[in-house]
PDB file of N, CA and C in Angstrom:
ATOM      1  N   MET A   1      -1.955 -13.178 -12.051  1.00  0.00           N
ATOM      2  CA  MET A   1      -1.594 -11.788 -11.803  1.00  0.00           C
ATOM      3  C   MET A   1      -0.103 -11.707 -11.461  1.00  0.00           C
ATOM      4  N   THR A   2       0.473 -10.604 -11.858  1.00  0.00           N
ATOM      5  CA  THR A   2       1.877 -10.410 -11.532  1.00  0.00           C
ATOM      6  C   THR A   2       1.999  -9.938 -10.091  1.00  0.00           C
ATOM      7  N   LYS A   3       3.219  -9.985  -9.588  1.00  0.00           N
ATOM      8  CA  LYS A   3       3.463  -9.581  -8.200  1.00  0.00           C
ATOM      9  C   LYS A   3       3.117  -8.113  -7.986  1.00  0.00           C
ATOM     10  N   VAL A   4       3.428  -7.270  -8.970  1.00  0.00           N
ATOM     11  CA  VAL A   4       3.158  -5.833  -8.845  1.00  0.00           C
ATOM     12  C   VAL A   4       1.659  -5.582  -8.801  1.00  0.00           C
ATOM     13  N   VAL A   5       0.913  -6.309  -9.628  1.00  0.00           N
ATOM     14  CA  VAL A   5      -0.545  -6.142  -9.647  1.00  0.00           C
ATOM     15  C   VAL A   5      -1.144  -6.596  -8.322  1.00  0.00           C
ATOM     16  N   LYS A   6      -0.630  -7.703  -7.790  1.00  0.00           N
ATOM     17  CA  LYS A   6      -1.132  -8.184  -6.498  1.00  0.00           C
ATOM     18  C   LYS A   6      -0.865  -7.165  -5.394  1.00  0.00           C
ATOM     19  N   LEU A   7       0.351  -6.609  -5.391  1.00  0.00           N
ATOM     20  CA  LEU A   7       0.717  -5.621  -4.380  1.00  0.00           C
ATOM     21  C   LEU A   7      -0.157  -4.377  -4.516  1.00  0.00           C
ATOM     22  N   ALA A   8      -0.374  -3.929  -5.744  1.00  0.00           N
ATOM     23  CA  ALA A   8      -1.211  -2.752  -5.974  1.00  0.00           C
ATOM     24  C   ALA A   8      -2.653  -3.026  -5.561  1.00  0.00           C
ATOM     25  N   SER A   9      -3.142  -4.221  -5.844  1.00  0.00           N
ATOM     26  CA  SER A   9      -4.513  -4.584  -5.477  1.00  0.00           C
ATOM     27  C   SER A   9      -4.693  -4.606  -3.965  1.00  0.00           C
ATOM     28  N   LEU A  10      -3.708  -5.175  -3.271  1.00  0.00           N
ATOM     29  CA  LEU A  10      -3.774  -5.232  -1.812  1.00  0.00           C
ATOM     30  C   LEU A  10      -3.727  -3.830  -1.215  1.00  0.00           C
ATOM     31  N   THR A  11      -2.882  -2.978  -1.775  1.00  0.00           N
ATOM     32  CA  THR A  11      -2.775  -1.605  -1.288  1.00  0.00           C
ATOM     33  C   THR A  11      -4.081  -0.846  -1.531  1.00  0.00           C
ATOM     34  N   ALA A  12      -4.644  -1.011  -2.725  1.00  0.00           N
ATOM     35  CA  ALA A  12      -5.911  -0.347  -3.043  1.00  0.00           C
ATOM     36  C   ALA A  12      -7.020  -0.831  -2.106  1.00  0.00           C
ATOM     37  N   ALA A  13      -7.055  -2.131  -1.838  1.00  0.00           N
ATOM     38  CA  ALA A  13      -8.073  -2.675  -0.930  1.00  0.00           C
ATOM     39  C   ALA A  13      -7.906  -2.097   0.467  1.00  0.00           C
ATOM     40  N   ALA A  14      -6.669  -1.930   0.902  1.00  0.00           N
ATOM     41  CA  ALA A  14      -6.425  -1.359   2.225  1.00  0.00           C
ATOM     42  C   ALA A  14      -6.881   0.100   2.274  1.00  0.00           C
ATOM     43  N   LEU A  15      -6.616   0.836   1.224  1.00  0.00           N
ATOM     44  CA  LEU A  15      -7.035   2.237   1.187  1.00  0.00           C
ATOM     45  C   LEU A  15      -8.555   2.369   1.175  1.00  0.00           C
ATOM     46  N   ILE A  16      -9.211   1.539   0.377  1.00  0.00           N
ATOM     47  CA  ILE A  16     -10.669   1.573   0.317  1.00  0.00           C
ATOM     48  C   ILE A  16     -11.255   1.161   1.666  1.00  0.00           C
ATOM     49  N   GLY A  17     -10.691   0.107   2.249  1.00  0.00           N
ATOM     50  CA  GLY A  17     -11.174  -0.348   3.554  1.00  0.00           C
ATOM     51  C   GLY A  17     -11.001   0.706   4.623  1.00  0.00           C
ATOM     52  N   ALA A  18      -9.896   1.425   4.567  1.00  0.00           N
ATOM     53  CA  ALA A  18      -9.640   2.465   5.564  1.00  0.00           C
ATOM     54  C   ALA A  18     -10.615   3.626   5.417  1.00  0.00           C
ATOM     55  N   THR A  19     -11.004   3.949   4.201  1.00  0.00           N
ATOM     56  CA  THR A  19     -11.927   5.063   4.004  1.00  0.00           C
ATOM     57  C   THR A  19     -13.366   4.681   4.346  1.00  0.00           C
ATOM     58  N   VAL A  20     -13.684   3.385   4.257  1.00  0.00           N
ATOM     59  CA  VAL A  20     -15.043   2.926   4.545  1.00  0.00           C
ATOM     60  C   VAL A  20     -15.326   2.918   6.043  1.00  0.00           C
ATOM     61  N   ILE A  21     -14.310   2.658   6.843  1.00  0.00           N
ATOM     62  CA  ILE A  21     -14.496   2.574   8.292  1.00  0.00           C
ATOM     63  C   ILE A  21     -14.983   3.924   8.807  1.00  0.00           C
ATOM     64  N   GLY A  22     -16.097   3.919   9.479  1.00  0.00           N
ATOM     65  CA  GLY A  22     -16.671   5.162   9.971  1.00  0.00           C
ATOM     66  C   GLY A  22     -15.881   5.770  11.105  1.00  0.00           C
ATOM     67  N   GLY A  23     -15.833   7.083  11.136  1.00  0.00           N
ATOM     68  CA  GLY A  23     -15.192   7.796  12.223  1.00  0.00           C
ATOM     69  C   GLY A  23     -13.685   7.895  12.122  1.00  0.00           C
ATOM     70  N   CYS A  24     -13.119   7.402  11.068  1.00  0.00           N
ATOM     71  CA  CYS A  24     -11.662   7.475  10.903  1.00  0.00           C
ATOM     72  C   CYS A  24     -11.270   8.856  10.415  1.00  0.00           C
ATOM     73  N   THR A  25     -10.244   9.362  11.003  1.00  0.00           N
ATOM     74  CA  THR A  25      -9.689  10.615  10.514  1.00  0.00           C
ATOM     75  C   THR A  25      -8.791  10.315   9.332  1.00  0.00           C
ATOM     76  N   ASP A  26      -8.409  11.332   8.616  1.00  0.00           N
ATOM     77  CA  ASP A  26      -7.529  11.173   7.470  1.00  0.00           C
ATOM     78  C   ASP A  26      -6.201  10.568   7.912  1.00  0.00           C
ATOM     79  N   THR A  27      -5.709  11.000   9.045  1.00  0.00           N
ATOM     80  CA  THR A  27      -4.439  10.484   9.553  1.00  0.00           C
ATOM     81  C   THR A  27      -4.548   9.013   9.895  1.00  0.00           C
ATOM     82  N   THR A  28      -5.637   8.614  10.523  1.00  0.00           N
ATOM     83  CA  THR A  28      -5.846   7.218  10.874  1.00  0.00           C
ATOM     84  C   THR A  28      -5.913   6.357   9.628  1.00  0.00           C
ATOM     85  N   ALA A  29      -6.624   6.821   8.624  1.00  0.00           N
ATOM     86  CA  ALA A  29      -6.738   6.073   7.378  1.00  0.00           C
ATOM     87  C   ALA A  29      -5.372   5.923   6.711  1.00  0.00           C
ATOM     88  N   ARG A  30      -4.585   6.975   6.725  1.00  0.00           N
ATOM     89  CA  ARG A  30      -3.248   6.900   6.125  1.00  0.00           C
ATOM     90  C   ARG A  30      -2.356   5.931   6.893  1.00  0.00           C
ATOM     91  N   GLU A  31      -2.445   5.950   8.211  1.00  0.00           N
ATOM     92  CA  GLU A  31      -1.647   5.035   9.024  1.00  0.00           C
ATOM     93  C   GLU A  31      -2.036   3.587   8.761  1.00  0.00           C
ATOM     94  N   MET A  32      -3.335   3.339   8.664  1.00  0.00           N
ATOM     95  CA  MET A  32      -3.809   1.985   8.379  1.00  0.00           C
ATOM     96  C   MET A  32      -3.355   1.539   7.000  1.00  0.00           C
ATOM     97  N   ALA A  33      -3.448   2.432   6.037  1.00  0.00           N
ATOM     98  CA  ALA A  33      -3.020   2.102   4.683  1.00  0.00           C
ATOM     99  C   ALA A  33      -1.519   1.835   4.649  1.00  0.00           C
ATOM    100  N   GLN A  34      -0.749   2.604   5.395  1.00  0.00           N
ATOM    101  CA  GLN A  34       0.700   2.402   5.433  1.00  0.00           C
ATOM    102  C   GLN A  34       1.036   1.059   6.076  1.00  0.00           C
ATOM    103  N   GLN A  35       0.304   0.701   7.126  1.00  0.00           N
ATOM    104  CA  GLN A  35       0.527  -0.600   7.761  1.00  0.00           C
ATOM    105  C   GLN A  35       0.218  -1.734   6.797  1.00  0.00           C
ATOM    106  N   ALA A  36      -0.862  -1.594   6.047  1.00  0.00           N
ATOM    107  CA  ALA A  36      -1.221  -2.617   5.063  1.00  0.00           C
ATOM    108  C   ALA A  36      -0.164  -2.708   3.966  1.00  0.00           C
ATOM    109  N   LEU A  37       0.331  -1.571   3.529  1.00  0.00           N
ATOM    110  CA  LEU A  37       1.369  -1.553   2.503  1.00  0.00           C
ATOM    111  C   LEU A  37       2.655  -2.193   3.027  1.00  0.00           C
ATOM    112  N   ASP A  38       3.021  -1.883   4.262  1.00  0.00           N
ATOM    113  CA  ASP A  38       4.211  -2.481   4.860  1.00  0.00           C
ATOM    114  C   ASP A  38       4.075  -4.006   4.951  1.00  0.00           C
ATOM    115  N   ALA A  39       2.891  -4.461   5.342  1.00  0.00           N
ATOM    116  CA  ALA A  39       2.653  -5.902   5.434  1.00  0.00           C
ATOM    117  C   ALA A  39       2.729  -6.553   4.056  1.00  0.00           C
ATOM    118  N   ALA A  40       2.167  -5.888   3.059  1.00  0.00           N
ATOM    119  CA  ALA A  40       2.206  -6.420   1.696  1.00  0.00           C
ATOM    120  C   ALA A  40       3.640  -6.482   1.177  1.00  0.00           C
ATOM    121  N   LYS A  41       4.427  -5.462   1.474  1.00  0.00           N
ATOM    122  CA  LYS A  41       5.825  -5.465   1.041  1.00  0.00           C
ATOM    123  C   LYS A  41       6.605  -6.578   1.735  1.00  0.00           C
ATOM    124  N   GLY A  42       6.314  -6.802   3.001  1.00  0.00           N
ATOM    125  CA  GLY A  42       6.968  -7.886   3.726  1.00  0.00           C
ATOM    126  C   GLY A  42       6.628  -9.241   3.131  1.00  0.00           C
ATOM    127  N   ALA A  43       5.372  -9.435   2.809  1.00  0.00           N
ATOM    128  CA  ALA A  43       4.947 -10.688   2.191  1.00  0.00           C
ATOM    129  C   ALA A  43       5.587 -10.846   0.815  1.00  0.00           C
ATOM    130  N   GLN A  44       5.674  -9.747   0.078  1.00  0.00           N
ATOM    131  CA  GLN A  44       6.276  -9.791  -1.249  1.00  0.00           C
ATOM    132  C   GLN A  44       7.753 -10.143  -1.171  1.00  0.00           C
ATOM    133  N   SER A  45       8.459  -9.584  -0.193  1.00  0.00           N
ATOM    134  CA  SER A  45       9.886  -9.891  -0.067  1.00  0.00           C
ATOM    135  C   SER A  45      10.097 -11.363   0.281  1.00  0.00           C
ATOM    136  N   CYS A  46       9.195 -11.919   1.050  1.00  0.00           N
ATOM    137  CA  CYS A  46       9.264 -13.344   1.376  1.00  0.00           C
ATOM    138  C   CYS A  46       9.074 -14.172   0.107  1.00  0.00           C
ATOM    139  N   CYS A  47       8.095 -13.809  -0.713  1.00  0.00           N
ATOM    140  CA  CYS A  47       7.846 -14.524  -1.974  1.00  0.00           C
ATOM    141  C   CYS A  47       9.046 -14.398  -2.913  1.00  0.00           C
ATOM    142  N   ASP A  48       9.619 -13.216  -2.969  1.00  0.00           N
ATOM    143  CA  ASP A  48      10.795 -13.001  -3.822  1.00  0.00           C
ATOM    144  C   ASP A  48      11.957 -13.876  -3.370  1.00  0.00           C
ATOM    145  N   ALA A  49      12.154 -13.966  -2.066  1.00  0.00           N
ATOM    146  CA  ALA A  49      13.241 -14.794  -1.533  1.00  0.00           C
ATOM    147  C   ALA A  49      13.016 -16.263  -1.875  1.00  0.00           C
ATOM    148  N   ASN A  50      11.775 -16.726  -1.761  1.00  0.00           N
ATOM    149  CA  ASN A  50      11.467 -18.116  -2.107  1.00  0.00           C
ATOM    150  C   ASN A  50      11.675 -18.367  -3.593  1.00  0.00           C
ATOM    151  N   THR A  51      11.284 -17.431  -4.425  1.00  0.00           N
ATOM    152  CA  THR A  51      11.470 -17.570  -5.867  1.00  0.00           C
ATOM    153  C   THR A  51      12.945 -17.650  -6.216  1.00  0.00           C
ATOM    154  N   GLU A  52      13.739 -16.787  -5.612  1.00  0.00           N
ATOM    155  CA  GLU A  52      15.180 -16.808  -5.858  1.00  0.00           C
ATOM    156  C   GLU A  52      15.795 -18.136  -5.405  1.00  0.00           C
ATOM    157  N   ARG A  53      15.361 -18.624  -4.267  1.00  0.00           N
ATOM    158  CA  ARG A  53      15.886 -19.896  -3.753  1.00  0.00           C
ATOM    159  C   ARG A  53      15.535 -21.035  -4.696  1.00  0.00           C
ATOM    160  N   LEU A  54      14.291 -21.080  -5.156  1.00  0.00           N
ATOM    161  CA  LEU A  54      13.870 -22.129  -6.085  1.00  0.00           C
ATOM    162  C   LEU A  54      14.602 -22.014  -7.420  1.00  0.00           C
ATOM    163  N   ASP A  55      14.822 -20.791  -7.877  1.00  0.00           N
ATOM    164  CA  ASP A  55      15.576 -20.601  -9.120  1.00  0.00           C
ATOM    165  C   ASP A  55      17.000 -21.131  -8.988  1.00  0.00           C
ATOM    166  N   ARG A  56      17.640 -20.854  -7.852  1.00  0.00           N
ATOM    167  CA  ARG A  56      18.997 -21.363  -7.631  1.00  0.00           C
ATOM    168  C   ARG A  56      19.002 -22.897  -7.607  1.00  0.00           C
ATOM    169  N   MET A  57      18.017 -23.485  -6.944  1.00  0.00           N
ATOM    170  CA  MET A  57      17.937 -24.937  -6.887  1.00  0.00           C
ATOM    171  C   MET A  57      17.737 -25.527  -8.285  1.00  0.00           C
ATOM    172  N   TYR A  58      16.880 -24.909  -9.054  1.00  0.00           N
ATOM    173  CA  TYR A  58      16.611 -25.378 -10.413  1.00  0.00           C
ATOM    174  C   TYR A  58      17.882 -25.286 -11.265  1.00  0.00           C
ATOM    175  N   GLN A  59      18.576 -24.150 -11.181  1.00  0.00           N
ATOM    176  CA  GLN A  59      19.808 -23.981 -11.943  1.00  0.00           C
ATOM    177  C   GLN A  59      20.851 -25.026 -11.541  1.00  0.00           C
ATOM    178  N   LYS A  60      20.944 -25.324 -10.250  1.00  0.00           N
ATOM    179  CA  LYS A  60      21.907 -26.303  -9.773  1.00  0.00           C
ATOM    180  C   LYS A  60      21.584 -27.685 -10.319  1.00  0.00           C
ATOM    181  N   ILE A  61      20.305 -28.037 -10.292  1.00  0.00           N
ATOM    182  CA  ILE A  61      19.880 -29.343 -10.798  1.00  0.00           C
ATOM    183  C   ILE A  61      20.118 -29.432 -12.304  1.00  0.00           C
ATOM    184  N   MET A  62      19.799 -28.381 -13.022  1.00  0.00           N
ATOM    185  CA  MET A  62      19.930 -28.406 -14.474  1.00  0.00           C
ATOM    186  C   MET A  62      21.389 -28.407 -14.927  1.00  0.00           C
ATOM    187  N   SER A  63      22.290 -27.936 -14.092  1.00  0.00           N
ATOM    188  CA  SER A  63      23.703 -27.892 -14.483  1.00  0.00           C
ATOM    189  C   SER A  63      24.391 -29.255 -14.333  1.00  0.00           C
ATOM    190  N   LYS A  64      23.740 -30.185 -13.640  1.00  0.00           N
ATOM    191  CA  LYS A  64      24.346 -31.506 -13.421  1.00  0.00           C
ATOM    192  C   LYS A  64      24.208 -32.367 -14.657  1.00  0.00           C
TER     193      LYS A  64
END
């Protein structure tokens, strides 16, 4: 799966999970979904940084 698909899947799962929880108001569900989205974006930025670092290392090795 691509990074965008993973992020979308995680966000969708958070939204579905928030709506399933009984007694949640619409505002609570939105807040929970936003927290899940923020966490997913944070994880994605970490993965992007690692990918960029590995790409730089690979380019450096290949240029020798």
